[in-house]
Amino acid sequence: TEWTSRIVHAGGTIRRCRDALVIDLENSWHLRSGPLKPLVSPDV
């Protein structure tokens, strides 16, 4: 986040290409899998 923010701060642009797809092969730890929010879950 910090590194890519320098692009914008320097007057550049980041464009997301909606048709260029990358598949995440692993679930993100940010996903909630129970009543506890991920940030405070003992699974993290």
PDB file of all heavy atoms in Angstrom:
ATOM      1  N   THR A   1       0.837  -1.209   0.000  1.00  0.00           N
ATOM      2  CA  THR A   1       0.000   0.000   0.000  1.00  0.00           C
ATOM      3  C   THR A   1       0.868   1.252   0.000  1.00  0.00           C
ATOM      4  O   THR A   1       0.646   2.186  -0.795  1.00  0.00           O
ATOM      5  CB  THR A   1      -0.926   0.011   1.229  1.00  0.00           C
ATOM      6  OG1 THR A   1      -1.777  -1.144   1.185  1.00  0.00           O
ATOM      7  CG2 THR A   1      -1.776   1.269   1.264  1.00  0.00           C
ATOM      8  N   GLU A   2       1.860   1.291   0.892  1.00  0.00           N
ATOM      9  CA  GLU A   2       2.751   2.455   0.967  1.00  0.00           C
ATOM     10  C   GLU A   2       3.528   2.628  -0.331  1.00  0.00           C
ATOM     11  O   GLU A   2       3.635   3.740  -0.861  1.00  0.00           O
ATOM     12  CB  GLU A   2       3.715   2.288   2.148  1.00  0.00           C
ATOM     13  CG  GLU A   2       4.563   3.522   2.441  1.00  0.00           C
ATOM     14  CD  GLU A   2       5.759   3.686   1.515  1.00  0.00           C
ATOM     15  OE1 GLU A   2       6.330   2.647   1.062  1.00  0.00           O
ATOM     16  OE2 GLU A   2       6.147   4.842   1.218  1.00  0.00           O
ATOM     17  N   TRP A   3       4.040   1.513  -0.863  1.00  0.00           N
ATOM     18  CA  TRP A   3       4.878   1.573  -2.063  1.00  0.00           C
ATOM     19  C   TRP A   3       4.082   2.070  -3.264  1.00  0.00           C
ATOM     20  O   TRP A   3       4.513   2.977  -3.981  1.00  0.00           O
ATOM     21  CB  TRP A   3       5.474   0.197  -2.334  1.00  0.00           C
ATOM     22  CG  TRP A   3       6.454   0.159  -3.461  1.00  0.00           C
ATOM     23  CD1 TRP A   3       7.653   0.830  -3.538  1.00  0.00           C
ATOM     24  CD2 TRP A   3       6.334  -0.581  -4.670  1.00  0.00           C
ATOM     25  NE1 TRP A   3       8.286   0.540  -4.727  1.00  0.00           N
ATOM     26  CE2 TRP A   3       7.494  -0.328  -5.446  1.00  0.00           C
ATOM     27  CE3 TRP A   3       5.365  -1.454  -5.177  1.00  0.00           C
ATOM     28  CZ2 TRP A   3       7.704  -0.901  -6.689  1.00  0.00           C
ATOM     29  CZ3 TRP A   3       5.571  -2.035  -6.422  1.00  0.00           C
ATOM     30  CH2 TRP A   3       6.737  -1.761  -7.170  1.00  0.00           C
ATOM     31  N   THR A   4       2.905   1.500  -3.489  1.00  0.00           N
ATOM     32  CA  THR A   4       2.118   1.899  -4.665  1.00  0.00           C
ATOM     33  C   THR A   4       1.485   3.272  -4.505  1.00  0.00           C
ATOM     34  O   THR A   4       1.166   3.925  -5.502  1.00  0.00           O
ATOM     35  CB  THR A   4       1.030   0.858  -4.976  1.00  0.00           C
ATOM     36  OG1 THR A   4       0.208   0.658  -3.817  1.00  0.00           O
ATOM     37  CG2 THR A   4       1.653  -0.471  -5.388  1.00  0.00           C
ATOM     38  N   SER A   5       1.310   3.736  -3.264  1.00  0.00           N
ATOM     39  CA  SER A   5       0.776   5.092  -3.072  1.00  0.00           C
ATOM     40  C   SER A   5       1.738   6.140  -3.616  1.00  0.00           C
ATOM     41  O   SER A   5       1.322   7.243  -3.972  1.00  0.00           O
ATOM     42  CB  SER A   5       0.501   5.358  -1.593  1.00  0.00           C
ATOM     43  OG  SER A   5       1.706   5.481  -0.845  1.00  0.00           O
ATOM     44  N   ARG A   6       3.013   5.796  -3.710  1.00  0.00           N
ATOM     45  CA  ARG A   6       4.005   6.734  -4.253  1.00  0.00           C
ATOM     46  C   ARG A   6       3.743   7.011  -5.730  1.00  0.00           C
ATOM     47  O   ARG A   6       4.111   8.086  -6.243  1.00  0.00           O
ATOM     48  CB  ARG A   6       5.414   6.169  -4.091  1.00  0.00           C
ATOM     49  CG  ARG A   6       5.857   5.962  -2.658  1.00  0.00           C
ATOM     50  CD  ARG A   6       7.281   5.461  -2.628  1.00  0.00           C
ATOM     51  NE  ARG A   6       7.518   4.513  -1.552  1.00  0.00           N
ATOM     52  CZ  ARG A   6       8.572   3.722  -1.467  1.00  0.00           C
ATOM     53  NH1 ARG A   6       9.504   3.775  -2.411  1.00  0.00           N
ATOM     54  NH2 ARG A   6       8.708   2.881  -0.463  1.00  0.00           N
ATOM     55  N   ILE A   7       3.134   6.052  -6.417  1.00  0.00           N
ATOM     56  CA  ILE A   7       2.806   6.266  -7.828  1.00  0.00           C
ATOM     57  C   ILE A   7       1.848   7.440  -7.968  1.00  0.00           C
ATOM     58  O   ILE A   7       2.051   8.349  -8.776  1.00  0.00           O
ATOM     59  CB  ILE A   7       2.166   4.993  -8.431  1.00  0.00           C
ATOM     60  CG1 ILE A   7       3.148   3.819  -8.374  1.00  0.00           C
ATOM     61  CG2 ILE A   7       1.706   5.249  -9.863  1.00  0.00           C
ATOM     62  CD1 ILE A   7       2.526   2.498  -8.813  1.00  0.00           C
ATOM     63  N   VAL A   8       0.792   7.421  -7.165  1.00  0.00           N
ATOM     64  CA  VAL A   8      -0.222   8.475  -7.220  1.00  0.00           C
ATOM     65  C   VAL A   8       0.335   9.790  -6.697  1.00  0.00           C
ATOM     66  O   VAL A   8       0.087  10.861  -7.264  1.00  0.00           O
ATOM     67  CB  VAL A   8      -1.473   8.045  -6.430  1.00  0.00           C
ATOM     68  CG1 VAL A   8      -2.514   9.153  -6.435  1.00  0.00           C
ATOM     69  CG2 VAL A   8      -2.056   6.763  -7.011  1.00  0.00           C
ATOM     70  N   HIS A   9       1.096   9.722  -5.598  1.00  0.00           N
ATOM     71  CA  HIS A   9       1.665  10.946  -5.024  1.00  0.00           C
ATOM     72  C   HIS A   9       2.615  11.642  -5.997  1.00  0.00           C
ATOM     73  O   HIS A   9       2.784  12.856  -5.938  1.00  0.00           O
ATOM     74  CB  HIS A   9       2.406  10.625  -3.729  1.00  0.00           C
ATOM     75  CG  HIS A   9       1.496  10.188  -2.624  1.00  0.00           C
ATOM     76  ND1 HIS A   9       1.922   9.469  -1.523  1.00  0.00           N
ATOM     77  CD2 HIS A   9       0.169  10.357  -2.460  1.00  0.00           C
ATOM     78  CE1 HIS A   9       0.895   9.223  -0.734  1.00  0.00           C
ATOM     79  NE2 HIS A   9      -0.179   9.754  -1.290  1.00  0.00           N
ATOM     80  N   ALA A  10       3.213  10.861  -6.889  1.00  0.00           N
ATOM     81  CA  ALA A  10       4.132  11.432  -7.878  1.00  0.00           C
ATOM     82  C   ALA A  10       3.398  11.904  -9.135  1.00  0.00           C
ATOM     83  O   ALA A  10       4.027  12.328 -10.098  1.00  0.00           O
ATOM     84  CB  ALA A  10       5.195  10.408  -8.251  1.00  0.00           C
ATOM     85  N   GLY A  11       2.057  11.828  -9.118  1.00  0.00           N
ATOM     86  CA  GLY A  11       1.280  12.288 -10.255  1.00  0.00           C
ATOM     87  C   GLY A  11       0.949  11.207 -11.259  1.00  0.00           C
ATOM     88  O   GLY A  11       0.387  11.490 -12.322  1.00  0.00           O
ATOM     89  N   GLY A  12       1.292   9.939 -10.930  1.00  0.00           N
ATOM     90  CA  GLY A  12       0.996   8.836 -11.823  1.00  0.00           C
ATOM     91  C   GLY A  12      -0.391   8.252 -11.574  1.00  0.00           C
ATOM     92  O   GLY A  12      -1.162   8.751 -10.749  1.00  0.00           O
ATOM     93  N   THR A  13      -0.701   7.189 -12.284  1.00  0.00           N
ATOM     94  CA  THR A  13      -2.021   6.562 -12.211  1.00  0.00           C
ATOM     95  C   THR A  13      -1.878   5.049 -12.156  1.00  0.00           C
ATOM     96  O   THR A  13      -1.018   4.478 -12.835  1.00  0.00           O
ATOM     97  CB  THR A  13      -2.878   6.951 -13.431  1.00  0.00           C
ATOM     98  OG1 THR A  13      -2.995   8.377 -13.487  1.00  0.00           O
ATOM     99  CG2 THR A  13      -4.269   6.337 -13.352  1.00  0.00           C
ATOM    100  N   ILE A  14      -2.732   4.419 -11.371  1.00  0.00           N
ATOM    101  CA  ILE A  14      -2.846   2.960 -11.356  1.00  0.00           C
ATOM    102  C   ILE A  14      -4.214   2.610 -11.925  1.00  0.00           C
ATOM    103  O   ILE A  14      -5.229   3.080 -11.414  1.00  0.00           O
ATOM    104  CB  ILE A  14      -2.721   2.379  -9.932  1.00  0.00           C
ATOM    105  CG1 ILE A  14      -1.460   2.876  -9.238  1.00  0.00           C
ATOM    106  CG2 ILE A  14      -2.751   0.852  -9.978  1.00  0.00           C
ATOM    107  CD1 ILE A  14      -1.398   2.523  -7.758  1.00  0.00           C
ATOM    108  N   ARG A  15      -4.237   1.804 -12.961  1.00  0.00           N
ATOM    109  CA  ARG A  15      -5.506   1.399 -13.574  1.00  0.00           C
ATOM    110  C   ARG A  15      -5.711  -0.103 -13.383  1.00  0.00           C
ATOM    111  O   ARG A  15      -4.843  -0.898 -13.725  1.00  0.00           O
ATOM    112  CB  ARG A  15      -5.515   1.729 -15.066  1.00  0.00           C
ATOM    113  CG  ARG A  15      -5.476   3.210 -15.362  1.00  0.00           C
ATOM    114  CD  ARG A  15      -5.628   3.503 -16.848  1.00  0.00           C
ATOM    115  NE  ARG A  15      -5.474   4.920 -17.108  1.00  0.00           N
ATOM    116  CZ  ARG A  15      -6.470   5.804 -17.014  1.00  0.00           C
ATOM    117  NH1 ARG A  15      -7.676   5.393 -16.689  1.00  0.00           N
ATOM    118  NH2 ARG A  15      -6.251   7.081 -17.255  1.00  0.00           N
ATOM    119  N   ARG A  16      -6.872  -0.453 -12.851  1.00  0.00           N
ATOM    120  CA  ARG A  16      -7.227  -1.859 -12.769  1.00  0.00           C
ATOM    121  C   ARG A  16      -7.864  -2.299 -14.080  1.00  0.00           C
ATOM    122  O   ARG A  16      -8.778  -1.655 -14.586  1.00  0.00           O
ATOM    123  CB  ARG A  16      -8.215  -2.107 -11.627  1.00  0.00           C
ATOM    124  CG  ARG A  16      -8.510  -3.590 -11.410  1.00  0.00           C
ATOM    125  CD  ARG A  16      -9.759  -3.819 -10.591  1.00  0.00           C
ATOM    126  NE  ARG A  16      -9.809  -2.993  -9.409  1.00  0.00           N
ATOM    127  CZ  ARG A  16      -9.165  -3.255  -8.284  1.00  0.00           C
ATOM    128  NH1 ARG A  16      -8.417  -4.324  -8.212  1.00  0.00           N
ATOM    129  NH2 ARG A  16      -9.272  -2.443  -7.244  1.00  0.00           N
ATOM    130  N   CYS A  17      -7.360  -3.407 -14.618  1.00  0.00           N
ATOM    131  CA  CYS A  17      -7.941  -3.993 -15.825  1.00  0.00           C
ATOM    132  C   CYS A  17      -8.897  -5.100 -15.391  1.00  0.00           C
ATOM    133  O   CYS A  17      -8.464  -6.146 -14.897  1.00  0.00           O
ATOM    134  CB  CYS A  17      -6.840  -4.549 -16.723  1.00  0.00           C
ATOM    135  SG  CYS A  17      -7.448  -5.229 -18.283  1.00  0.00           S
ATOM    136  N   ARG A  18     -10.186  -4.858 -15.552  1.00  0.00           N
ATOM    137  CA  ARG A  18     -11.183  -5.816 -15.072  1.00  0.00           C
ATOM    138  C   ARG A  18     -11.139  -7.135 -15.818  1.00  0.00           C
ATOM    139  O   ARG A  18     -11.564  -8.167 -15.281  1.00  0.00           O
ATOM    140  CB  ARG A  18     -12.587  -5.203 -15.202  1.00  0.00           C
ATOM    141  CG  ARG A  18     -12.862  -4.033 -14.264  1.00  0.00           C
ATOM    142  CD  ARG A  18     -14.250  -3.493 -14.504  1.00  0.00           C
ATOM    143  NE  ARG A  18     -14.570  -2.363 -13.640  1.00  0.00           N
ATOM    144  CZ  ARG A  18     -15.181  -2.470 -12.462  1.00  0.00           C
ATOM    145  NH1 ARG A  18     -15.514  -3.657 -12.005  1.00  0.00           N
ATOM    146  NH2 ARG A  18     -15.444  -1.396 -11.734  1.00  0.00           N
ATOM    147  N   ASP A  19     -10.621  -7.136 -17.040  1.00  0.00           N
ATOM    148  CA  ASP A  19     -10.611  -8.351 -17.856  1.00  0.00           C
ATOM    149  C   ASP A  19      -9.327  -9.155 -17.717  1.00  0.00           C
ATOM    150  O   ASP A  19      -9.241 -10.271 -18.236  1.00  0.00           O
ATOM    151  CB  ASP A  19     -10.817  -8.000 -19.327  1.00  0.00           C
ATOM    152  CG  ASP A  19     -12.164  -7.326 -19.558  1.00  0.00           C
ATOM    153  OD1 ASP A  19     -13.111  -7.661 -18.833  1.00  0.00           O
ATOM    154  OD2 ASP A  19     -12.247  -6.461 -20.452  1.00  0.00           O
ATOM    155  N   ALA A  20      -8.328  -8.605 -17.050  1.00  0.00           N
ATOM    156  CA  ALA A  20      -7.073  -9.329 -16.822  1.00  0.00           C
ATOM    157  C   ALA A  20      -7.169  -9.987 -15.446  1.00  0.00           C
ATOM    158  O   ALA A  20      -7.063  -9.321 -14.419  1.00  0.00           O
ATOM    159  CB  ALA A  20      -5.884  -8.371 -16.873  1.00  0.00           C
ATOM    160  N   LEU A  21      -7.397 -11.277 -15.428  1.00  0.00           N
ATOM    161  CA  LEU A  21      -7.751 -11.963 -14.185  1.00  0.00           C
ATOM    162  C   LEU A  21      -6.589 -12.787 -13.628  1.00  0.00           C
ATOM    163  O   LEU A  21      -5.879 -13.482 -14.356  1.00  0.00           O
ATOM    164  CB  LEU A  21      -8.952 -12.877 -14.417  1.00  0.00           C
ATOM    165  CG  LEU A  21     -10.233 -12.186 -14.905  1.00  0.00           C
ATOM    166  CD1 LEU A  21     -11.338 -13.204 -15.100  1.00  0.00           C
ATOM    167  CD2 LEU A  21     -10.668 -11.094 -13.929  1.00  0.00           C
ATOM    168  N   VAL A  22      -6.448 -12.703 -12.307  1.00  0.00           N
ATOM    169  CA  VAL A  22      -5.494 -13.516 -11.565  1.00  0.00           C
ATOM    170  C   VAL A  22      -6.277 -14.255 -10.484  1.00  0.00           C
ATOM    171  O   VAL A  22      -7.043 -13.635  -9.738  1.00  0.00           O
ATOM    172  CB  VAL A  22      -4.387 -12.643 -10.926  1.00  0.00           C
ATOM    173  CG1 VAL A  22      -3.562 -13.458  -9.948  1.00  0.00           C
ATOM    174  CG2 VAL A  22      -3.491 -12.048 -12.002  1.00  0.00           C
ATOM    175  N   ILE A  23      -6.087 -15.567 -10.405  1.00  0.00           N
ATOM    176  CA  ILE A  23      -6.834 -16.394  -9.462  1.00  0.00           C
ATOM    177  C   ILE A  23      -6.017 -16.584  -8.192  1.00  0.00           C
ATOM    178  O   ILE A  23      -4.873 -17.051  -8.251  1.00  0.00           O
ATOM    179  CB  ILE A  23      -7.169 -17.777 -10.058  1.00  0.00           C
ATOM    180  CG1 ILE A  23      -7.748 -17.633 -11.469  1.00  0.00           C
ATOM    181  CG2 ILE A  23      -8.109 -18.539  -9.136  1.00  0.00           C
ATOM    182  CD1 ILE A  23      -9.020 -16.844 -11.533  1.00  0.00           C
ATOM    183  N   ASP A  24      -6.583 -16.223  -7.043  1.00  0.00           N
ATOM    184  CA  ASP A  24      -5.946 -16.521  -5.763  1.00  0.00           C
ATOM    185  C   ASP A  24      -6.189 -17.995  -5.447  1.00  0.00           C
ATOM    186  O   ASP A  24      -7.341 -18.427  -5.309  1.00  0.00           O
ATOM    187  CB  ASP A  24      -6.526 -15.647  -4.652  1.00  0.00           C
ATOM    188  CG  ASP A  24      -6.016 -14.226  -4.705  1.00  0.00           C
ATOM    189  OD1 ASP A  24      -4.968 -14.002  -5.335  1.00  0.00           O
ATOM    190  OD2 ASP A  24      -6.646 -13.333  -4.112  1.00  0.00           O
ATOM    191  N   LEU A  25      -5.119 -18.758  -5.313  1.00  0.00           N
ATOM    192  CA  LEU A  25      -5.238 -20.190  -5.072  1.00  0.00           C
ATOM    193  C   LEU A  25      -5.473 -20.522  -3.605  1.00  0.00           C
ATOM    194  O   LEU A  25      -5.762 -21.669  -3.278  1.00  0.00           O
ATOM    195  CB  LEU A  25      -3.962 -20.907  -5.550  1.00  0.00           C
ATOM    196  CG  LEU A  25      -3.622 -20.723  -7.039  1.00  0.00           C
ATOM    197  CD1 LEU A  25      -2.297 -21.406  -7.347  1.00  0.00           C
ATOM    198  CD2 LEU A  25      -4.726 -21.268  -7.917  1.00  0.00           C
ATOM    199  N   GLU A  26      -5.357 -19.532  -2.754  1.00  0.00           N
ATOM    200  CA  GLU A  26      -5.489 -19.753  -1.313  1.00  0.00           C
ATOM    201  C   GLU A  26      -6.439 -18.721  -0.726  1.00  0.00           C
ATOM    202  O   GLU A  26      -6.429 -17.553  -1.138  1.00  0.00           O
ATOM    203  CB  GLU A  26      -4.112 -19.652  -0.645  1.00  0.00           C
ATOM    204  CG  GLU A  26      -4.077 -20.073   0.800  1.00  0.00           C
ATOM    205  CD  GLU A  26      -2.654 -20.058   1.348  1.00  0.00           C
ATOM    206  OE1 GLU A  26      -2.039 -18.977   1.349  1.00  0.00           O
ATOM    207  OE2 GLU A  26      -2.163 -21.114   1.757  1.00  0.00           O
ATOM    208  N   ASN A  27      -7.247 -19.134   0.234  1.00  0.00           N
ATOM    209  CA  ASN A  27      -8.156 -18.206   0.899  1.00  0.00           C
ATOM    210  C   ASN A  27      -7.386 -17.147   1.667  1.00  0.00           C
ATOM    211  O   ASN A  27      -6.332 -17.435   2.250  1.00  0.00           O
ATOM    212  CB  ASN A  27      -9.084 -18.949   1.866  1.00  0.00           C
ATOM    213  CG  ASN A  27     -10.216 -19.653   1.137  1.00  0.00           C
ATOM    214  OD1 ASN A  27     -10.769 -19.124   0.184  1.00  0.00           O
ATOM    215  ND2 ASN A  27     -10.549 -20.847   1.594  1.00  0.00           N
ATOM    216  N   SER A  28      -7.905 -15.935   1.693  1.00  0.00           N
ATOM    217  CA  SER A  28      -7.295 -14.866   2.464  1.00  0.00           C
ATOM    218  C   SER A  28      -7.606 -15.031   3.942  1.00  0.00           C
ATOM    219  O   SER A  28      -8.703 -15.435   4.325  1.00  0.00           O
ATOM    220  CB  SER A  28      -7.821 -13.504   1.981  1.00  0.00           C
ATOM    221  OG  SER A  28      -7.409 -12.477   2.850  1.00  0.00           O
ATOM    222  N   TRP A  29      -6.626 -14.721   4.796  1.00  0.00           N
ATOM    223  CA  TRP A  29      -6.860 -14.808   6.243  1.00  0.00           C
ATOM    224  C   TRP A  29      -7.812 -13.715   6.719  1.00  0.00           C
ATOM    225  O   TRP A  29      -8.332 -13.781   7.832  1.00  0.00           O
ATOM    226  CB  TRP A  29      -5.542 -14.724   7.014  1.00  0.00           C
ATOM    227  CG  TRP A  29      -4.813 -13.407   6.927  1.00  0.00           C
ATOM    228  CD1 TRP A  29      -3.908 -13.038   5.980  1.00  0.00           C
ATOM    229  CD2 TRP A  29      -4.906 -12.297   7.826  1.00  0.00           C
ATOM    230  NE1 TRP A  29      -3.433 -11.770   6.225  1.00  0.00           N
ATOM    231  CE2 TRP A  29      -4.019 -11.292   7.359  1.00  0.00           C
ATOM    232  CE3 TRP A  29      -5.638 -12.052   8.984  1.00  0.00           C
ATOM    233  CZ2 TRP A  29      -3.866 -10.068   8.004  1.00  0.00           C
ATOM    234  CZ3 TRP A  29      -5.473 -10.826   9.634  1.00  0.00           C
ATOM    235  CH2 TRP A  29      -4.596  -9.859   9.142  1.00  0.00           C
ATOM    236  N   HIS A  30      -8.088 -12.738   5.868  1.00  0.00           N
ATOM    237  CA  HIS A  30      -9.024 -11.678   6.225  1.00  0.00           C
ATOM    238  C   HIS A  30     -10.481 -12.144   6.192  1.00  0.00           C
ATOM    239  O   HIS A  30     -11.361 -11.445   6.689  1.00  0.00           O
ATOM    240  CB  HIS A  30      -8.878 -10.486   5.265  1.00  0.00           C
ATOM    241  CG  HIS A  30      -7.562  -9.775   5.400  1.00  0.00           C
ATOM    242  ND1 HIS A  30      -6.498 -10.044   4.582  1.00  0.00           N
ATOM    243  CD2 HIS A  30      -7.142  -8.817   6.270  1.00  0.00           C
ATOM    244  CE1 HIS A  30      -5.473  -9.270   4.927  1.00  0.00           C
ATOM    245  NE2 HIS A  30      -5.832  -8.527   5.942  1.00  0.00           N
ATOM    246  N   LEU A  31     -10.709 -13.326   5.585  1.00  0.00           N
ATOM    247  CA  LEU A  31     -12.087 -13.807   5.483  1.00  0.00           C
ATOM    248  C   LEU A  31     -12.591 -14.288   6.838  1.00  0.00           C
ATOM    249  O   LEU A  31     -11.898 -15.005   7.557  1.00  0.00           O
ATOM    250  CB  LEU A  31     -12.169 -14.952   4.470  1.00  0.00           C
ATOM    251  CG  LEU A  31     -11.969 -14.589   3.006  1.00  0.00           C
ATOM    252  CD1 LEU A  31     -12.085 -15.836   2.150  1.00  0.00           C
ATOM    253  CD2 LEU A  31     -12.972 -13.545   2.565  1.00  0.00           C
ATOM    254  N   ARG A  32     -13.810 -13.912   7.151  1.00  0.00           N
ATOM    255  CA  ARG A  32     -14.413 -14.322   8.417  1.00  0.00           C
ATOM    256  C   ARG A  32     -14.994 -15.724   8.285  1.00  0.00           C
ATOM    257  O   ARG A  32     -15.808 -15.995   7.408  1.00  0.00           O
ATOM    258  CB  ARG A  32     -15.512 -13.321   8.796  1.00  0.00           C
ATOM    259  CG  ARG A  32     -16.123 -13.533  10.158  1.00  0.00           C
ATOM    260  CD  ARG A  32     -16.994 -12.336  10.510  1.00  0.00           C
ATOM    261  NE  ARG A  32     -17.646 -12.478  11.801  1.00  0.00           N
ATOM    262  CZ  ARG A  32     -18.277 -11.490  12.430  1.00  0.00           C
ATOM    263  NH1 ARG A  32     -18.326 -10.307  11.852  1.00  0.00           N
ATOM    264  NH2 ARG A  32     -18.849 -11.689  13.587  1.00  0.00           N
ATOM    265  N   SER A  33     -14.577 -16.645   9.173  1.00  0.00           N
ATOM    266  CA  SER A  33     -15.036 -18.022   9.097  1.00  0.00           C
ATOM    267  C   SER A  33     -15.859 -18.434  10.316  1.00  0.00           C
ATOM    268  O   SER A  33     -16.271 -19.576  10.423  1.00  0.00           O
ATOM    269  CB  SER A  33     -13.839 -18.972   8.967  1.00  0.00           C
ATOM    270  OG  SER A  33     -12.955 -18.819  10.062  1.00  0.00           O
ATOM    271  N   GLY A  34     -16.101 -17.520  11.226  1.00  0.00           N
ATOM    272  CA  GLY A  34     -16.859 -17.815  12.434  1.00  0.00           C
ATOM    273  C   GLY A  34     -17.388 -16.529  13.027  1.00  0.00           C
ATOM    274  O   GLY A  34     -17.368 -15.468  12.385  1.00  0.00           O
ATOM    275  N   PRO A  35     -17.860 -16.570  14.286  1.00  0.00           N
ATOM    276  CA  PRO A  35     -18.406 -15.358  14.903  1.00  0.00           C
ATOM    277  C   PRO A  35     -17.362 -14.290  15.206  1.00  0.00           C
ATOM    278  O   PRO A  35     -17.678 -13.110  15.275  1.00  0.00           O
ATOM    279  CB  PRO A  35     -19.051 -15.877  16.195  1.00  0.00           C
ATOM    280  CG  PRO A  35     -18.325 -17.152  16.491  1.00  0.00           C
ATOM    281  CD  PRO A  35     -18.019 -17.753  15.146  1.00  0.00           C
ATOM    282  N   LEU A  36     -16.100 -14.718  15.382  1.00  0.00           N
ATOM    283  CA  LEU A  36     -15.042 -13.753  15.683  1.00  0.00           C
ATOM    284  C   LEU A  36     -14.524 -13.088  14.416  1.00  0.00           C
ATOM    285  O   LEU A  36     -14.315 -13.747  13.397  1.00  0.00           O
ATOM    286  CB  LEU A  36     -13.886 -14.438  16.404  1.00  0.00           C
ATOM    287  CG  LEU A  36     -14.091 -14.769  17.889  1.00  0.00           C
ATOM    288  CD1 LEU A  36     -12.948 -15.622  18.398  1.00  0.00           C
ATOM    289  CD2 LEU A  36     -14.214 -13.498  18.713  1.00  0.00           C
ATOM    290  N   LYS A  37     -14.301 -11.782  14.500  1.00  0.00           N
ATOM    291  CA  LYS A  37     -13.718 -11.064  13.370  1.00  0.00           C
ATOM    292  C   LYS A  37     -12.262 -11.492  13.205  1.00  0.00           C
ATOM    293  O   LYS A  37     -11.569 -11.751  14.196  1.00  0.00           O
ATOM    294  CB  LYS A  37     -13.831  -9.557  13.591  1.00  0.00           C
ATOM    295  CG  LYS A  37     -15.281  -9.064  13.603  1.00  0.00           C
ATOM    296  CD  LYS A  37     -15.354  -7.561  13.800  1.00  0.00           C
ATOM    297  CE  LYS A  37     -16.796  -7.077  13.838  1.00  0.00           C
ATOM    298  NZ  LYS A  37     -17.484  -7.285  12.551  1.00  0.00           N
ATOM    299  N   PRO A  38     -11.756 -11.584  11.966  1.00  0.00           N
ATOM    300  CA  PRO A  38     -10.404 -12.111  11.731  1.00  0.00           C
ATOM    301  C   PRO A  38      -9.307 -11.419  12.527  1.00  0.00           C
ATOM    302  O   PRO A  38      -8.364 -12.079  12.977  1.00  0.00           O
ATOM    303  CB  PRO A  38     -10.218 -11.902  10.225  1.00  0.00           C
ATOM    304  CG  PRO A  38     -11.593 -11.938   9.673  1.00  0.00           C
ATOM    305  CD  PRO A  38     -12.461 -11.294  10.717  1.00  0.00           C
ATOM    306  N   LEU A  39      -9.405 -10.106  12.702  1.00  0.00           N
ATOM    307  CA  LEU A  39      -8.344  -9.385  13.401  1.00  0.00           C
ATOM    308  C   LEU A  39      -8.152  -9.849  14.836  1.00  0.00           C
ATOM    309  O   LEU A  39      -7.059  -9.717  15.396  1.00  0.00           O
ATOM    310  CB  LEU A  39      -8.628  -7.875  13.381  1.00  0.00           C
ATOM    311  CG  LEU A  39      -8.244  -7.126  12.111  1.00  0.00           C
ATOM    312  CD1 LEU A  39      -8.704  -5.692  12.181  1.00  0.00           C
ATOM    313  CD2 LEU A  39      -6.740  -7.187  11.882  1.00  0.00           C
ATOM    314  N   VAL A  40      -9.200 -10.365  15.455  1.00  0.00           N
ATOM    315  CA  VAL A  40      -9.085 -10.792  16.851  1.00  0.00           C
ATOM    316  C   VAL A  40      -9.312 -12.294  17.007  1.00  0.00           C
ATOM    317  O   VAL A  40      -9.435 -12.796  18.114  1.00  0.00           O
ATOM    318  CB  VAL A  40     -10.086 -10.023  17.750  1.00  0.00           C
ATOM    319  CG1 VAL A  40      -9.675  -8.569  17.872  1.00  0.00           C
ATOM    320  CG2 VAL A  40     -11.514 -10.131  17.219  1.00  0.00           C
ATOM    321  N   SER A  41      -9.358 -13.016  15.912  1.00  0.00           N
ATOM    322  CA  SER A  41      -9.579 -14.455  15.963  1.00  0.00           C
ATOM    323  C   SER A  41      -8.295 -15.180  16.369  1.00  0.00           C
ATOM    324  O   SER A  41      -7.202 -14.840  15.891  1.00  0.00           O
ATOM    325  CB  SER A  41     -10.046 -14.969  14.597  1.00  0.00           C
ATOM    326  OG  SER A  41     -10.044 -16.372  14.573  1.00  0.00           O
ATOM    327  N   PRO A  42      -8.385 -16.206  17.228  1.00  0.00           N
ATOM    328  CA  PRO A  42      -7.200 -16.987  17.583  1.00  0.00           C
ATOM    329  C   PRO A  42      -6.638 -17.771  16.414  1.00  0.00           C
ATOM    330  O   PRO A  42      -5.513 -18.277  16.479  1.00  0.00           O
ATOM    331  CB  PRO A  42      -7.712 -17.926  18.688  1.00  0.00           C
ATOM    332  CG  PRO A  42      -9.180 -18.009  18.474  1.00  0.00           C
ATOM    333  CD  PRO A  42      -9.588 -16.671  17.947  1.00  0.00           C
ATOM    334  N   ASP A  43      -7.396 -17.874  15.321  1.00  0.00           N
ATOM    335  CA  ASP A  43      -6.906 -18.549  14.119  1.00  0.00           C
ATOM    336  C   ASP A  43      -5.876 -17.706  13.373  1.00  0.00           C
ATOM    337  O   ASP A  43      -5.171 -18.213  12.495  1.00  0.00           O
ATOM    338  CB  ASP A  43      -8.066 -18.871  13.178  1.00  0.00           C
ATOM    339  CG  ASP A  43      -9.058 -19.858  13.793  1.00  0.00           C
ATOM    340  OD1 ASP A  43      -8.629 -20.667  14.635  1.00  0.00           O
ATOM    341  OD2 ASP A  43     -10.250 -19.787  13.447  1.00  0.00           O
ATOM    342  N   VAL A  44      -5.801 -16.424  13.704  1.00  0.00           N
ATOM    343  CA  VAL A  44      -4.841 -15.512  13.076  1.00  0.00           C
ATOM    344  C   VAL A  44      -3.694 -15.267  14.049  1.00  0.00           C
ATOM    345  O   VAL A  44      -3.907 -14.831  15.181  1.00  0.00           O
ATOM    346  CB  VAL A  44      -5.514 -14.174  12.698  1.00  0.00           C
ATOM    347  CG1 VAL A  44      -4.488 -13.203  12.118  1.00  0.00           C
ATOM    348  CG2 VAL A  44      -6.632 -14.415  11.696  1.00  0.00           C
TER     349      VAL A  44
END
